[in-house]
Amino acid sequence: MNISKFFILVLLINPVAYAQQQADTGFQFNNPNPVYASVTGPRVCIDEGHHNFHTLDGRYLPFAQMVREDGYVVQAHQGLFTEQSLSVCEILLIANALHASNSNNWSYPHPSAFAAQEIQALILWVNAGGKLLLIADHAPFAGAAADLGAVSGLMMADIYAVHRRQGADVFMRNDNTLHDHAITQGRNTRESIQNVTSFTGQAAMMTGDWQALLSFSAEAFAYINPQQAYQQQTTQVQGFSVSGWFQAAAREWGNGRMVFLGEAAMCSAQTSGNGNPMGMNSPQAPQNAQFCLNLVRWLSEDL
């Protein structure tokens, strides 16, 4: 890894640099065939009660607008997860939750964002028919979601994972890093997904009934703390291979369903501090929007 690329990775772990990311409110997704008429679809709740980096009116506003245009009802979920609060949600999206201690400080350790009672409430809700989209990015977000992931059969690595292709992490059907599933098939050939691009996330291992959506290539690599390595004036980051690990997966769980994404920007549409597009609006991610919409449709059992 050359020093210029390494410096970019150092910037990625800086909360101040991340704060410069803004929602691209001009993003529009061409949706010629919505699943539902306006505001007649299932209710999608977006978590805002756990120091979330991505929120309904913040960096996930373009995602919310896209889902609304497909006929879904979208609202924020405030406060803790309880049986009562979850009862109004048919789909729950949790995007990059954090423990309070990490809201402005991303150094280790990264405690769970969720109390034990909340995790229990979520498990019961999904098993009873709830649909959960759990998005947990690289450290510290993977650590914050690790306890919740573990009870569903996910083992999250609280690190930074990449398999760079042309400057981004591209998962492709033709090399089997993007896997066949109802989500990647869509309803027709127009909605079929051939590639998905992510923007530096985590890697996870799966047990049980999980089905892979995105898996890392043979050259994939994970590292712990590039900032520390940079301060030691080394051009190599000590880390380990995550070849065959996963960055997205789906499963049925009791009467419910669950999708895991190990990177959040792929379903956002943002501009970085220098104005570059990142997410569904990126020229490097032409099918991300359709992929993210397919996720929601699968969760609502419309795929």
Protein backbone atom coordinates (compact mmCIF):
# COMPACT_ATOMS: atom_id res chain seq x y z
CA MET A 1 0.00 0.00 0.00
CA ASN A 2 1.54 3.33 -1.00
CA ILE A 3 1.54 6.24 1.40
CA SER A 4 -1.08 8.30 -0.47
CA LYS A 5 -3.63 5.48 -0.33
CA PHE A 6 -2.68 4.89 3.28
CA PHE A 7 -3.34 8.52 4.15
CA ILE A 8 -6.83 8.20 2.67
CA LEU A 9 -7.49 5.25 4.97
CA VAL A 10 -6.31 7.30 7.94
CA LEU A 11 -8.86 9.97 7.09
CA LEU A 12 -11.62 7.36 7.02
CA ILE A 13 -11.33 6.65 10.74
CA ASN A 14 -11.58 10.33 11.73
CA PRO A 15 -15.07 11.30 13.01
CA VAL A 16 -14.43 14.92 12.00
CA ALA A 17 -13.79 13.87 8.40
CA TYR A 18 -16.93 11.76 8.45
CA ALA A 19 -18.97 14.69 9.74
CA GLN A 20 -18.25 16.48 6.47
CA GLN A 21 -20.36 13.93 4.59
CA GLN A 22 -23.72 15.38 3.59
CA ALA A 23 -26.82 13.89 2.02
CA ASP A 24 -27.10 14.49 -1.72
CA THR A 25 -30.67 15.81 -1.76
CA GLY A 26 -30.56 16.11 -5.53
CA PHE A 27 -30.28 12.35 -5.99
CA GLN A 28 -33.18 10.80 -7.91
CA PHE A 29 -33.81 7.13 -8.68
CA ASN A 30 -35.78 6.27 -11.80
CA ASN A 31 -38.50 3.91 -10.59
CA PRO A 32 -40.93 3.17 -13.45
CA ASN A 33 -42.82 0.45 -11.57
CA PRO A 34 -43.36 1.11 -7.84
CA VAL A 35 -44.56 -1.83 -5.78
CA TYR A 36 -47.24 0.19 -3.97
CA ALA A 37 -49.36 3.23 -4.61
CA SER A 38 -48.22 6.27 -2.65
CA VAL A 39 -48.18 5.76 1.16
CA THR A 40 -50.03 2.43 0.95
CA GLY A 41 -47.06 0.15 1.57
CA PRO A 42 -45.57 -1.25 4.80
CA ARG A 43 -44.24 1.09 7.46
CA VAL A 44 -40.45 1.43 7.51
CA CYS A 45 -38.98 2.76 10.75
CA ILE A 46 -35.46 4.22 10.72
CA ASP A 47 -33.67 4.08 14.07
CA GLU A 48 -32.63 7.44 15.53
CA GLY A 49 -32.41 6.45 19.19
CA HIS A 50 -28.86 5.09 19.34
CA HIS A 51 -26.48 7.90 18.35
CA ASN A 52 -26.92 6.77 14.74
CA PHE A 53 -24.52 8.16 12.17
CA HIS A 54 -27.24 7.74 9.52
CA THR A 55 -30.75 9.07 10.20
CA LEU A 56 -34.00 9.69 8.35
CA ASP A 57 -33.52 13.41 7.79
CA GLY A 58 -29.74 13.17 7.67
CA ARG A 59 -27.46 11.04 5.52
CA TYR A 60 -30.19 8.46 4.79
CA LEU A 61 -32.70 11.00 3.49
CA PRO A 62 -32.11 9.98 -0.18
CA PHE A 63 -32.71 6.33 0.77
CA ALA A 64 -35.91 7.29 2.59
CA GLN A 65 -37.11 9.31 -0.41
CA MET A 66 -36.44 6.38 -2.76
CA VAL A 67 -38.37 3.98 -0.54
CA ARG A 68 -41.26 6.43 -0.20
CA GLU A 69 -41.46 6.69 -3.97
CA ASP A 70 -41.93 2.90 -4.00
CA GLY A 71 -45.05 3.43 -1.86
CA TYR A 72 -43.66 2.63 1.59
CA VAL A 73 -44.44 4.75 4.64
CA VAL A 74 -41.21 5.93 6.29
CA GLN A 75 -40.81 7.37 9.78
CA ALA A 76 -38.17 7.74 12.47
CA HIS A 77 -37.97 5.43 15.49
CA GLN A 78 -37.01 7.44 18.55
CA GLY A 79 -35.86 6.06 21.88
CA LEU A 80 -35.19 2.51 23.01
CA PHE A 81 -36.51 -0.64 21.36
CA THR A 82 -39.46 -2.11 23.25
CA GLU A 83 -42.30 -4.44 22.36
CA GLN A 84 -44.62 -1.43 22.18
CA SER A 85 -42.33 0.79 20.09
CA LEU A 86 -41.60 -1.97 17.59
CA SER A 87 -45.27 -2.88 17.18
CA VAL A 88 -45.87 0.07 14.83
CA CYS A 89 -42.99 -0.96 12.52
CA GLU A 90 -43.23 -3.59 9.79
CA ILE A 91 -39.62 -3.01 8.71
CA LEU A 92 -36.93 -1.58 11.00
CA LEU A 93 -33.71 -0.12 9.62
CA ILE A 94 -30.79 0.33 12.03
CA ALA A 95 -27.91 2.18 10.37
CA ASN A 96 -24.60 2.67 12.19
CA ALA A 97 -25.76 2.79 15.77
CA LEU A 98 -23.24 3.72 18.47
CA HIS A 99 -22.85 3.53 22.21
CA ALA A 100 -22.90 7.00 23.80
CA SER A 101 -19.22 6.70 24.74
CA ASN A 102 -18.27 6.49 21.05
CA SER A 103 -20.55 9.19 19.68
CA ASN A 104 -17.63 11.65 19.47
CA ASN A 105 -14.70 9.31 20.10
CA TRP A 106 -14.14 6.29 17.90
CA SER A 107 -11.20 4.83 19.82
CA TYR A 108 -11.50 1.30 21.23
CA PRO A 109 -13.35 -0.21 23.06
CA HIS A 110 -16.68 -0.10 21.21
CA PRO A 111 -19.45 -1.22 23.57
CA SER A 112 -22.87 -2.40 22.40
CA ALA A 113 -25.23 0.32 21.23
CA PHE A 114 -28.14 -1.74 22.55
CA ALA A 115 -29.08 -2.80 26.05
CA ALA A 116 -29.76 -6.48 26.67
CA GLN A 117 -33.49 -5.79 27.02
CA GLU A 118 -33.53 -4.10 23.61
CA ILE A 119 -31.81 -7.04 21.94
CA GLN A 120 -34.35 -9.39 23.48
CA ALA A 121 -37.22 -7.19 22.26
CA LEU A 122 -35.75 -7.19 18.74
CA ILE A 123 -35.33 -10.98 18.71
CA LEU A 124 -38.93 -11.54 19.77
CA TRP A 125 -40.18 -8.97 17.25
CA VAL A 126 -38.34 -10.57 14.32
CA ASN A 127 -39.39 -14.08 15.29
CA ALA A 128 -43.00 -12.90 15.44
CA GLY A 129 -42.81 -11.53 11.89
CA GLY A 130 -40.80 -8.30 12.07
CA LYS A 131 -38.35 -7.43 9.28
CA LEU A 132 -34.93 -6.04 10.27
CA LEU A 133 -32.34 -4.34 8.07
CA LEU A 134 -29.21 -4.17 10.23
CA ILE A 135 -26.46 -1.97 8.81
CA ALA A 136 -23.19 -1.90 10.75
CA ASP A 137 -20.15 -0.36 9.10
CA HIS A 138 -16.44 -0.68 9.97
CA ALA A 139 -15.19 0.11 13.47
CA PRO A 140 -16.66 1.43 15.72
CA PHE A 141 -20.06 0.54 14.24
CA ALA A 142 -19.34 -3.20 13.94
CA GLY A 143 -18.42 -3.36 17.61
CA ALA A 144 -21.56 -1.47 18.57
CA ALA A 145 -23.74 -4.02 16.73
CA ALA A 146 -21.74 -7.16 17.57
CA ASP A 147 -23.97 -8.35 20.42
CA LEU A 148 -27.12 -7.98 18.33
CA GLY A 149 -25.43 -9.68 15.40
CA ALA A 150 -24.22 -12.58 17.54
CA VAL A 151 -27.70 -13.64 18.62
CA SER A 152 -28.70 -13.91 14.95
CA GLY A 153 -25.66 -15.96 13.94
CA LEU A 154 -23.38 -13.14 12.74
CA MET A 155 -19.80 -12.79 13.94
CA MET A 156 -18.75 -9.24 13.13
CA ALA A 157 -15.12 -8.15 12.90
CA ASP A 158 -14.73 -4.66 14.36
CA ILE A 159 -12.18 -3.63 11.73
CA TYR A 160 -11.85 -2.08 8.26
CA ALA A 161 -12.15 -4.51 5.33
CA VAL A 162 -11.42 -3.86 1.64
CA HIS A 163 -10.84 -5.61 -1.65
CA ARG A 164 -10.12 -2.64 -3.84
CA ARG A 165 -11.06 -2.77 -7.52
CA GLN A 166 -10.48 0.45 -9.43
CA GLY A 167 -10.39 2.40 -6.17
CA ALA A 168 -13.58 0.94 -4.67
CA ASP A 169 -14.92 -2.31 -3.23
CA VAL A 170 -16.89 -3.79 -6.12
CA PHE A 171 -18.77 -7.07 -5.71
CA MET A 172 -19.58 -8.75 -9.03
CA ARG A 173 -21.81 -11.57 -10.17
CA ASN A 174 -19.30 -12.73 -12.76
CA ASP A 175 -16.65 -13.58 -10.14
CA ASN A 176 -19.10 -14.90 -7.54
CA THR A 177 -18.50 -12.15 -5.00
CA LEU A 178 -22.12 -11.12 -5.65
CA HIS A 179 -24.38 -14.12 -5.05
CA ASP A 180 -27.65 -15.29 -6.55
CA HIS A 181 -30.66 -14.54 -4.35
CA ALA A 182 -34.15 -13.11 -4.80
CA ILE A 183 -32.67 -9.76 -3.78
CA THR A 184 -30.07 -9.81 -6.54
CA GLN A 185 -32.53 -11.24 -9.08
CA GLY A 186 -35.19 -8.56 -8.65
CA ARG A 187 -38.62 -8.87 -10.28
CA ASN A 188 -37.28 -8.80 -13.84
CA THR A 189 -34.10 -8.40 -15.86
CA ARG A 190 -34.14 -4.62 -15.43
CA GLU A 191 -33.97 -5.06 -11.65
CA SER A 192 -31.37 -7.86 -11.75
CA ILE A 193 -28.12 -6.88 -10.05
CA GLN A 194 -24.73 -7.54 -11.65
CA ASN A 195 -22.53 -5.47 -9.31
CA VAL A 196 -22.66 -3.57 -6.04
CA THR A 197 -20.06 -1.08 -4.80
CA SER A 198 -19.27 -0.38 -1.15
CA PHE A 199 -17.04 2.25 0.39
CA THR A 200 -14.92 0.57 3.11
CA GLY A 201 -16.86 -1.46 5.65
CA GLN A 202 -16.49 -4.44 7.93
CA ALA A 203 -16.32 -8.18 7.29
CA ALA A 204 -18.41 -10.84 9.01
CA MET A 205 -18.69 -14.60 9.30
CA MET A 206 -22.08 -16.32 9.38
CA THR A 207 -23.66 -19.38 10.95
CA GLY A 208 -27.11 -20.88 10.72
CA ASP A 209 -29.51 -19.96 7.93
CA TRP A 210 -27.78 -16.91 6.51
CA GLN A 211 -27.48 -16.68 2.72
CA ALA A 212 -24.61 -14.66 1.26
CA LEU A 213 -25.29 -11.59 -0.87
CA LEU A 214 -21.79 -10.04 -1.02
CA SER A 215 -18.57 -11.88 -0.15
CA PHE A 216 -14.95 -10.79 -0.19
CA SER A 217 -12.51 -11.83 -2.89
CA ALA A 218 -9.21 -13.67 -2.46
CA GLU A 219 -7.31 -10.38 -2.22
CA ALA A 220 -9.51 -8.93 0.55
CA PHE A 221 -7.67 -7.58 3.57
CA ALA A 222 -8.67 -6.29 7.00
CA TYR A 223 -6.79 -3.90 9.25
CA ILE A 224 -7.31 -2.67 12.78
CA ASN A 225 -5.95 0.84 13.22
CA PRO A 226 -4.32 2.54 10.25
CA GLN A 227 -3.90 5.78 12.19
CA GLN A 228 -1.66 4.08 14.74
CA ALA A 229 0.36 2.48 11.96
CA TYR A 230 0.74 5.84 10.23
CA GLN A 231 2.07 7.43 13.42
CA GLN A 232 4.70 4.70 13.53
CA GLN A 233 5.79 5.83 10.04
CA THR A 234 5.23 2.47 8.39
CA THR A 235 3.80 2.06 4.90
CA GLN A 236 2.36 -1.38 5.67
CA VAL A 237 -0.65 -2.07 7.87
CA GLN A 238 -0.51 -5.25 9.91
CA GLY A 239 -3.73 -7.16 9.35
CA PHE A 240 -5.23 -10.39 8.08
CA SER A 241 -7.02 -11.91 5.12
CA VAL A 242 -10.82 -11.85 5.02
CA SER A 243 -11.09 -13.82 1.79
CA GLY A 244 -14.49 -15.49 1.72
CA TRP A 245 -15.91 -13.41 4.57
CA PHE A 246 -19.15 -11.52 3.95
CA GLN A 247 -20.29 -7.91 3.70
CA ALA A 248 -23.99 -8.59 3.08
CA ALA A 249 -26.33 -11.48 3.79
CA ALA A 250 -30.01 -12.31 4.30
CA ARG A 251 -31.98 -14.85 6.28
CA GLU A 252 -35.46 -15.87 7.34
CA TRP A 253 -35.79 -16.06 11.11
CA GLY A 254 -38.91 -17.53 12.65
CA ASN A 255 -41.80 -15.69 10.99
CA GLY A 256 -39.59 -12.70 10.16
CA ARG A 257 -36.70 -11.77 7.92
CA MET A 258 -33.36 -10.06 8.39
CA VAL A 259 -30.79 -8.46 6.09
CA PHE A 260 -27.28 -7.55 7.21
CA LEU A 261 -25.10 -4.95 5.47
CA GLY A 262 -21.54 -4.43 6.66
CA GLU A 263 -21.23 -1.02 5.00
CA ALA A 264 -23.67 1.89 5.14
CA ALA A 265 -22.66 4.28 2.37
CA MET A 266 -23.72 1.81 -0.33
CA CYS A 267 -27.39 2.65 0.40
CA SER A 268 -26.81 6.36 0.97
CA ALA A 269 -26.32 9.15 -1.54
CA GLN A 270 -23.79 11.58 -0.10
CA THR A 271 -21.18 14.11 -0.98
CA SER A 272 -17.87 14.09 0.86
CA GLY A 273 -16.04 17.12 2.20
CA ASN A 274 -14.51 17.75 -1.24
CA GLY A 275 -17.87 17.34 -3.00
CA ASN A 276 -17.27 13.88 -4.45
CA PRO A 277 -20.34 11.61 -4.69
CA MET A 278 -20.40 8.52 -2.49
CA GLY A 279 -23.10 5.88 -2.42
CA MET A 280 -26.05 5.42 -4.76
CA ASN A 281 -25.11 8.64 -6.54
CA SER A 282 -21.55 7.50 -7.33
CA PRO A 283 -20.61 6.74 -10.95
CA GLN A 284 -18.84 3.69 -9.51
CA ALA A 285 -22.15 2.34 -8.13
CA PRO A 286 -24.67 2.30 -11.00
CA GLN A 287 -26.77 -0.53 -9.52
CA ASN A 288 -26.58 0.27 -5.83
CA ALA A 289 -29.94 2.03 -5.71
CA GLN A 290 -31.76 -0.91 -7.28
CA PHE A 291 -29.96 -3.31 -4.94
CA CYS A 292 -30.97 -1.29 -1.87
CA LEU A 293 -34.57 -1.04 -3.05
CA ASN A 294 -34.60 -4.79 -3.68
CA LEU A 295 -33.49 -5.32 -0.07
CA VAL A 296 -36.57 -3.51 1.21
CA ARG A 297 -38.86 -5.32 -1.20
CA TRP A 298 -37.52 -8.69 -0.08
CA LEU A 299 -38.00 -7.79 3.55
CA SER A 300 -41.64 -6.86 2.85
CA GLU A 301 -42.04 -10.15 0.96
CA ASP A 302 -42.63 -8.39 -2.35
CA LEU A 303 -39.80 -10.33 -4.03
